[in-house]
Amino acid sequence: PWRARAEDHIAIATADSARAQAAVQA
């Protein structure tokens, strides 16, 4: 019964990942 909840988390994390930026060290 928790597969749907996991898929919800993946959808949210995918949106967060698109907004995340790669780390730059100068």
PDB file of all heavy atoms in Angstrom:
ATOM      1  N   PRO A   1       0.815  -1.228   0.000  1.00  0.00           N
ATOM      2  CA  PRO A   1       0.000   0.000   0.000  1.00  0.00           C
ATOM      3  C   PRO A   1       0.840   1.266   0.000  1.00  0.00           C
ATOM      4  O   PRO A   1       0.285   2.365  -0.136  1.00  0.00           O
ATOM      5  CB  PRO A   1      -0.807  -0.120   1.305  1.00  0.00           C
ATOM      6  CG  PRO A   1       0.048  -0.971   2.190  1.00  0.00           C
ATOM      7  CD  PRO A   1       0.739  -1.944   1.284  1.00  0.00           C
ATOM      8  N   TRP A   2       2.173   1.145   0.150  1.00  0.00           N
ATOM      9  CA  TRP A   2       3.018   2.326   0.263  1.00  0.00           C
ATOM     10  C   TRP A   2       3.705   2.682  -1.056  1.00  0.00           C
ATOM     11  O   TRP A   2       4.457   3.650  -1.101  1.00  0.00           O
ATOM     12  CB  TRP A   2       4.074   2.114   1.355  1.00  0.00           C
ATOM     13  CG  TRP A   2       3.491   1.519   2.588  1.00  0.00           C
ATOM     14  CD1 TRP A   2       3.880   0.361   3.204  1.00  0.00           C
ATOM     15  CD2 TRP A   2       2.400   2.025   3.370  1.00  0.00           C
ATOM     16  NE1 TRP A   2       3.107   0.110   4.301  1.00  0.00           N
ATOM     17  CE2 TRP A   2       2.184   1.122   4.433  1.00  0.00           C
ATOM     18  CE3 TRP A   2       1.590   3.154   3.264  1.00  0.00           C
ATOM     19  CZ2 TRP A   2       1.192   1.322   5.370  1.00  0.00           C
ATOM     20  CZ3 TRP A   2       0.592   3.348   4.203  1.00  0.00           C
ATOM     21  CH2 TRP A   2       0.402   2.441   5.247  1.00  0.00           C
ATOM     22  N   ARG A   3       3.453   1.923  -2.099  1.00  0.00           N
ATOM     23  CA  ARG A   3       4.066   2.239  -3.384  1.00  0.00           C
ATOM     24  C   ARG A   3       3.600   3.614  -3.894  1.00  0.00           C
ATOM     25  O   ARG A   3       4.393   4.408  -4.396  1.00  0.00           O
ATOM     26  CB  ARG A   3       3.747   1.154  -4.419  1.00  0.00           C
ATOM     27  CG  ARG A   3       4.348  -0.207  -4.096  1.00  0.00           C
ATOM     28  CD  ARG A   3       4.024  -1.225  -5.182  1.00  0.00           C
ATOM     29  NE  ARG A   3       4.675  -0.866  -6.434  1.00  0.00           N
ATOM     30  CZ  ARG A   3       5.897  -1.269  -6.774  1.00  0.00           C
ATOM     31  NH1 ARG A   3       6.603  -2.050  -5.963  1.00  0.00           N
ATOM     32  NH2 ARG A   3       6.422  -0.909  -7.927  1.00  0.00           N
ATOM     33  N   ALA A   4       2.304   3.891  -3.749  1.00  0.00           N
ATOM     34  CA  ALA A   4       1.782   5.183  -4.226  1.00  0.00           C
ATOM     35  C   ALA A   4       2.419   6.335  -3.456  1.00  0.00           C
ATOM     36  O   ALA A   4       2.716   7.392  -4.033  1.00  0.00           O
ATOM     37  CB  ALA A   4       0.264   5.211  -4.074  1.00  0.00           C
ATOM     38  N   ARG A   5       2.636   6.140  -2.161  1.00  0.00           N
ATOM     39  CA  ARG A   5       3.261   7.199  -1.365  1.00  0.00           C
ATOM     40  C   ARG A   5       4.703   7.427  -1.829  1.00  0.00           C
ATOM     41  O   ARG A   5       5.161   8.577  -1.915  1.00  0.00           O
ATOM     42  CB  ARG A   5       3.235   6.800   0.114  1.00  0.00           C
ATOM     43  CG  ARG A   5       3.779   7.865   1.066  1.00  0.00           C
ATOM     44  CD  ARG A   5       3.000   9.142   0.984  1.00  0.00           C
ATOM     45  NE  ARG A   5       3.363  10.077   2.048  1.00  0.00           N
ATOM     46  CZ  ARG A   5       3.126  11.369   2.009  1.00  0.00           C
ATOM     47  NH1 ARG A   5       2.528  11.905   0.954  1.00  0.00           N
ATOM     48  NH2 ARG A   5       3.472  12.153   3.011  1.00  0.00           N
ATOM     49  N   ALA A   6       5.419   6.346  -2.135  1.00  0.00           N
ATOM     50  CA  ALA A   6       6.787   6.482  -2.641  1.00  0.00           C
ATOM     51  C   ALA A   6       6.804   7.227  -3.972  1.00  0.00           C
ATOM     52  O   ALA A   6       7.672   8.074  -4.222  1.00  0.00           O
ATOM     53  CB  ALA A   6       7.426   5.104  -2.792  1.00  0.00           C
ATOM     54  N   GLU A   7       5.841   6.936  -4.829  1.00  0.00           N
ATOM     55  CA  GLU A   7       5.777   7.626  -6.125  1.00  0.00           C
ATOM     56  C   GLU A   7       5.465   9.108  -5.937  1.00  0.00           C
ATOM     57  O   GLU A   7       5.966   9.964  -6.691  1.00  0.00           O
ATOM     58  CB  GLU A   7       4.737   6.947  -7.010  1.00  0.00           C
ATOM     59  CG  GLU A   7       5.189   5.563  -7.494  1.00  0.00           C
ATOM     60  CD  GLU A   7       4.057   4.743  -8.094  1.00  0.00           C
ATOM     61  OE1 GLU A   7       2.894   5.197  -7.997  1.00  0.00           O
ATOM     62  OE2 GLU A   7       4.332   3.656  -8.624  1.00  0.00           O
ATOM     63  N   ASP A   8       4.638   9.447  -4.928  1.00  0.00           N
ATOM     64  CA  ASP A   8       4.386  10.858  -4.624  1.00  0.00           C
ATOM     65  C   ASP A   8       5.694  11.559  -4.251  1.00  0.00           C
ATOM     66  O   ASP A   8       5.963  12.682  -4.706  1.00  0.00           O
ATOM     67  CB  ASP A   8       3.399  10.990  -3.461  1.00  0.00           C
ATOM     68  CG  ASP A   8       1.988  10.577  -3.847  1.00  0.00           C
ATOM     69  OD1 ASP A   8       1.704  10.466  -5.060  1.00  0.00           O
ATOM     70  OD2 ASP A   8       1.170  10.343  -2.931  1.00  0.00           O
ATOM     71  N   HIS A   9       6.492  10.891  -3.412  1.00  0.00           N
ATOM     72  CA  HIS A   9       7.766  11.481  -2.996  1.00  0.00           C
ATOM     73  C   HIS A   9       8.700  11.667  -4.195  1.00  0.00           C
ATOM     74  O   HIS A   9       9.410  12.679  -4.278  1.00  0.00           O
ATOM     75  CB  HIS A   9       8.441  10.597  -1.953  1.00  0.00           C
ATOM     76  CG  HIS A   9       7.884  10.762  -0.569  1.00  0.00           C
ATOM     77  ND1 HIS A   9       7.882  11.975   0.090  1.00  0.00           N
ATOM     78  CD2 HIS A   9       7.337   9.869   0.283  1.00  0.00           C
ATOM     79  CE1 HIS A   9       7.343  11.819   1.297  1.00  0.00           C
ATOM     80  NE2 HIS A   9       7.004  10.550   1.434  1.00  0.00           N
ATOM     81  N   ILE A  10       8.719  10.702  -5.102  1.00  0.00           N
ATOM     82  CA  ILE A  10       9.578  10.816  -6.281  1.00  0.00           C
ATOM     83  C   ILE A  10       9.168  12.013  -7.127  1.00  0.00           C
ATOM     84  O   ILE A  10      10.017  12.775  -7.621  1.00  0.00           O
ATOM     85  CB  ILE A  10       9.543   9.515  -7.103  1.00  0.00           C
ATOM     86  CG1 ILE A  10      10.291   8.406  -6.355  1.00  0.00           C
ATOM     87  CG2 ILE A  10      10.156   9.721  -8.486  1.00  0.00           C
ATOM     88  CD1 ILE A  10      10.254   7.059  -7.041  1.00  0.00           C
ATOM     89  N   ALA A  11       7.853  12.216  -7.286  1.00  0.00           N
ATOM     90  CA  ALA A  11       7.374  13.356  -8.079  1.00  0.00           C
ATOM     91  C   ALA A  11       7.800  14.681  -7.451  1.00  0.00           C
ATOM     92  O   ALA A  11       8.265  15.596  -8.150  1.00  0.00           O
ATOM     93  CB  ALA A  11       5.857  13.286  -8.208  1.00  0.00           C
ATOM     94  N   ILE A  12       7.689  14.766  -6.124  1.00  0.00           N
ATOM     95  CA  ILE A  12       8.086  16.005  -5.444  1.00  0.00           C
ATOM     96  C   ILE A  12       9.593  16.203  -5.544  1.00  0.00           C
ATOM     97  O   ILE A  12      10.084  17.312  -5.823  1.00  0.00           O
ATOM     98  CB  ILE A  12       7.632  15.976  -3.973  1.00  0.00           C
ATOM     99  CG1 ILE A  12       6.100  15.914  -3.887  1.00  0.00           C
ATOM    100  CG2 ILE A  12       8.163  17.184  -3.220  1.00  0.00           C
ATOM    101  CD1 ILE A  12       5.575  15.637  -2.496  1.00  0.00           C
ATOM    102  N   ALA A  13      10.354  15.118  -5.332  1.00  0.00           N
ATOM    103  CA  ALA A  13      11.812  15.219  -5.385  1.00  0.00           C
ATOM    104  C   ALA A  13      12.292  15.556  -6.791  1.00  0.00           C
ATOM    105  O   ALA A  13      13.296  16.264  -6.963  1.00  0.00           O
ATOM    106  CB  ALA A  13      12.443  13.914  -4.916  1.00  0.00           C
ATOM    107  N   THR A  14      11.591  15.075  -7.809  1.00  0.00           N
ATOM    108  CA  THR A  14      11.976  15.393  -9.190  1.00  0.00           C
ATOM    109  C   THR A  14      11.826  16.881  -9.458  1.00  0.00           C
ATOM    110  O   THR A  14      12.688  17.512 -10.094  1.00  0.00           O
ATOM    111  CB  THR A  14      11.118  14.585 -10.181  1.00  0.00           C
ATOM    112  OG1 THR A  14      11.320  13.182  -9.940  1.00  0.00           O
ATOM    113  CG2 THR A  14      11.497  14.904 -11.611  1.00  0.00           C
ATOM    114  N   ALA A  15      10.757  17.469  -8.965  1.00  0.00           N
ATOM    115  CA  ALA A  15      10.579  18.915  -9.113  1.00  0.00           C
ATOM    116  C   ALA A  15      11.659  19.673  -8.344  1.00  0.00           C
ATOM    117  O   ALA A  15      12.214  20.673  -8.838  1.00  0.00           O
ATOM    118  CB  ALA A  15       9.196  19.329  -8.627  1.00  0.00           C
ATOM    119  N   ASP A  16      11.992  19.204  -7.146  1.00  0.00           N
ATOM    120  CA  ASP A  16      13.054  19.851  -6.365  1.00  0.00           C
ATOM    121  C   ASP A  16      14.401  19.730  -7.066  1.00  0.00           C
ATOM    122  O   ASP A  16      15.215  20.651  -7.049  1.00  0.00           O
ATOM    123  CB  ASP A  16      13.137  19.233  -4.978  1.00  0.00           C
ATOM    124  CG  ASP A  16      11.922  19.540  -4.125  1.00  0.00           C
ATOM    125  OD1 ASP A  16      11.196  20.498  -4.463  1.00  0.00           O
ATOM    126  OD2 ASP A  16      11.689  18.818  -3.133  1.00  0.00           O
ATOM    127  N   SER A  17      14.651  18.565  -7.687  1.00  0.00           N
ATOM    128  CA  SER A  17      15.921  18.336  -8.364  1.00  0.00           C
ATOM    129  C   SER A  17      16.080  19.281  -9.549  1.00  0.00           C
ATOM    130  O   SER A  17      17.175  19.768  -9.843  1.00  0.00           O
ATOM    131  CB  SER A  17      16.020  16.883  -8.842  1.00  0.00           C
ATOM    132  OG  SER A  17      17.213  16.652  -9.545  1.00  0.00           O
ATOM    133  N   ALA A  18      14.985  19.567 -10.244  1.00  0.00           N
ATOM    134  CA  ALA A  18      15.058  20.480 -11.391  1.00  0.00           C
ATOM    135  C   ALA A  18      15.428  21.887 -10.948  1.00  0.00           C
ATOM    136  O   ALA A  18      16.069  22.634 -11.694  1.00  0.00           O
ATOM    137  CB  ALA A  18      13.725  20.500 -12.124  1.00  0.00           C
ATOM    138  N   ARG A  19      15.035  22.252  -9.721  1.00  0.00           N
ATOM    139  CA  ARG A  19      15.368  23.579  -9.211  1.00  0.00           C
ATOM    140  C   ARG A  19      16.733  23.627  -8.536  1.00  0.00           C
ATOM    141  O   ARG A  19      17.286  24.692  -8.310  1.00  0.00           O
ATOM    142  CB  ARG A  19      14.299  24.036  -8.216  1.00  0.00           C
ATOM    143  CG  ARG A  19      12.946  24.321  -8.853  1.00  0.00           C
ATOM    144  CD  ARG A  19      12.010  24.988  -7.861  1.00  0.00           C
ATOM    145  NE  ARG A  19      11.688  24.121  -6.741  1.00  0.00           N
ATOM    146  CZ  ARG A  19      10.635  23.305  -6.703  1.00  0.00           C
ATOM    147  NH1 ARG A  19       9.825  23.229  -7.748  1.00  0.00           N
ATOM    148  NH2 ARG A  19      10.394  22.561  -5.650  1.00  0.00           N
ATOM    149  N   ALA A  20      17.262  22.447  -8.181  1.00  0.00           N
ATOM    150  CA  ALA A  20      18.550  22.408  -7.491  1.00  0.00           C
ATOM    151  C   ALA A  20      19.666  22.787  -8.456  1.00  0.00           C
ATOM    152  O   ALA A  20      19.574  22.580  -9.662  1.00  0.00           O
ATOM    153  CB  ALA A  20      18.799  21.015  -6.924  1.00  0.00           C
ATOM    154  N   GLN A  21      20.723  23.354  -7.924  1.00  0.00           N
ATOM    155  CA  GLN A  21      21.846  23.775  -8.741  1.00  0.00           C
ATOM    156  C   GLN A  21      23.083  22.970  -8.369  1.00  0.00           C
ATOM    157  O   GLN A  21      23.283  22.602  -7.208  1.00  0.00           O
ATOM    158  CB  GLN A  21      22.130  25.266  -8.545  1.00  0.00           C
ATOM    159  CG  GLN A  21      20.995  26.172  -9.043  1.00  0.00           C
ATOM    160  CD  GLN A  21      21.323  27.625  -8.837  1.00  0.00           C
ATOM    161  OE1 GLN A  21      21.910  28.001  -7.843  1.00  0.00           O
ATOM    162  NE2 GLN A  21      20.945  28.452  -9.794  1.00  0.00           N
ATOM    163  N   ALA A  22      23.917  22.717  -9.382  1.00  0.00           N
ATOM    164  CA  ALA A  22      25.165  22.016  -9.122  1.00  0.00           C
ATOM    165  C   ALA A  22      26.051  22.866  -8.215  1.00  0.00           C
ATOM    166  O   ALA A  22      26.008  24.095  -8.241  1.00  0.00           O
ATOM    167  CB  ALA A  22      25.867  21.733 -10.447  1.00  0.00           C
ATOM    168  N   ALA A  23      26.866  22.204  -7.410  1.00  0.00           N
ATOM    169  CA  ALA A  23      27.725  22.924  -6.470  1.00  0.00           C
ATOM    170  C   ALA A  23      28.988  23.397  -7.180  1.00  0.00           C
ATOM    171  O   ALA A  23      29.621  22.647  -7.915  1.00  0.00           O
ATOM    172  CB  ALA A  23      28.088  22.007  -5.307  1.00  0.00           C
ATOM    173  N   VAL A  24      29.363  24.656  -6.938  1.00  0.00           N
ATOM    174  CA  VAL A  24      30.559  25.233  -7.540  1.00  0.00           C
ATOM    175  C   VAL A  24      31.478  25.696  -6.425  1.00  0.00           C
ATOM    176  O   VAL A  24      31.051  26.394  -5.499  1.00  0.00           O
ATOM    177  CB  VAL A  24      30.219  26.415  -8.474  1.00  0.00           C
ATOM    178  CG1 VAL A  24      31.501  27.050  -9.018  1.00  0.00           C
ATOM    179  CG2 VAL A  24      29.336  25.957  -9.619  1.00  0.00           C
ATOM    180  N   GLN A  25      32.737  25.299  -6.523  1.00  0.00           N
ATOM    181  CA  GLN A  25      33.750  25.749  -5.573  1.00  0.00           C
ATOM    182  C   GLN A  25      34.808  26.504  -6.375  1.00  0.00           C
ATOM    183  O   GLN A  25      35.316  25.989  -7.386  1.00  0.00           O
ATOM    184  CB  GLN A  25      34.383  24.567  -4.850  1.00  0.00           C
ATOM    185  CG  GLN A  25      35.437  24.963  -3.838  1.00  0.00           C
ATOM    186  CD  GLN A  25      36.065  23.750  -3.167  1.00  0.00           C
ATOM    187  OE1 GLN A  25      35.767  22.619  -3.531  1.00  0.00           O
ATOM    188  NE2 GLN A  25      36.927  23.974  -2.198  1.00  0.00           N
ATOM    189  N   ALA A  26      35.124  27.736  -5.983  1.00  0.00           N
ATOM    190  CA  ALA A  26      36.081  28.561  -6.721  1.00  0.00           C
ATOM    191  C   ALA A  26      37.293  28.871  -5.857  1.00  0.00           C
ATOM    192  O   ALA A  26      37.273  28.692  -4.634  1.00  0.00           O
ATOM    193  CB  ALA A  26      35.414  29.849  -7.202  1.00  0.00           C
TER     194      ALA A  26
END
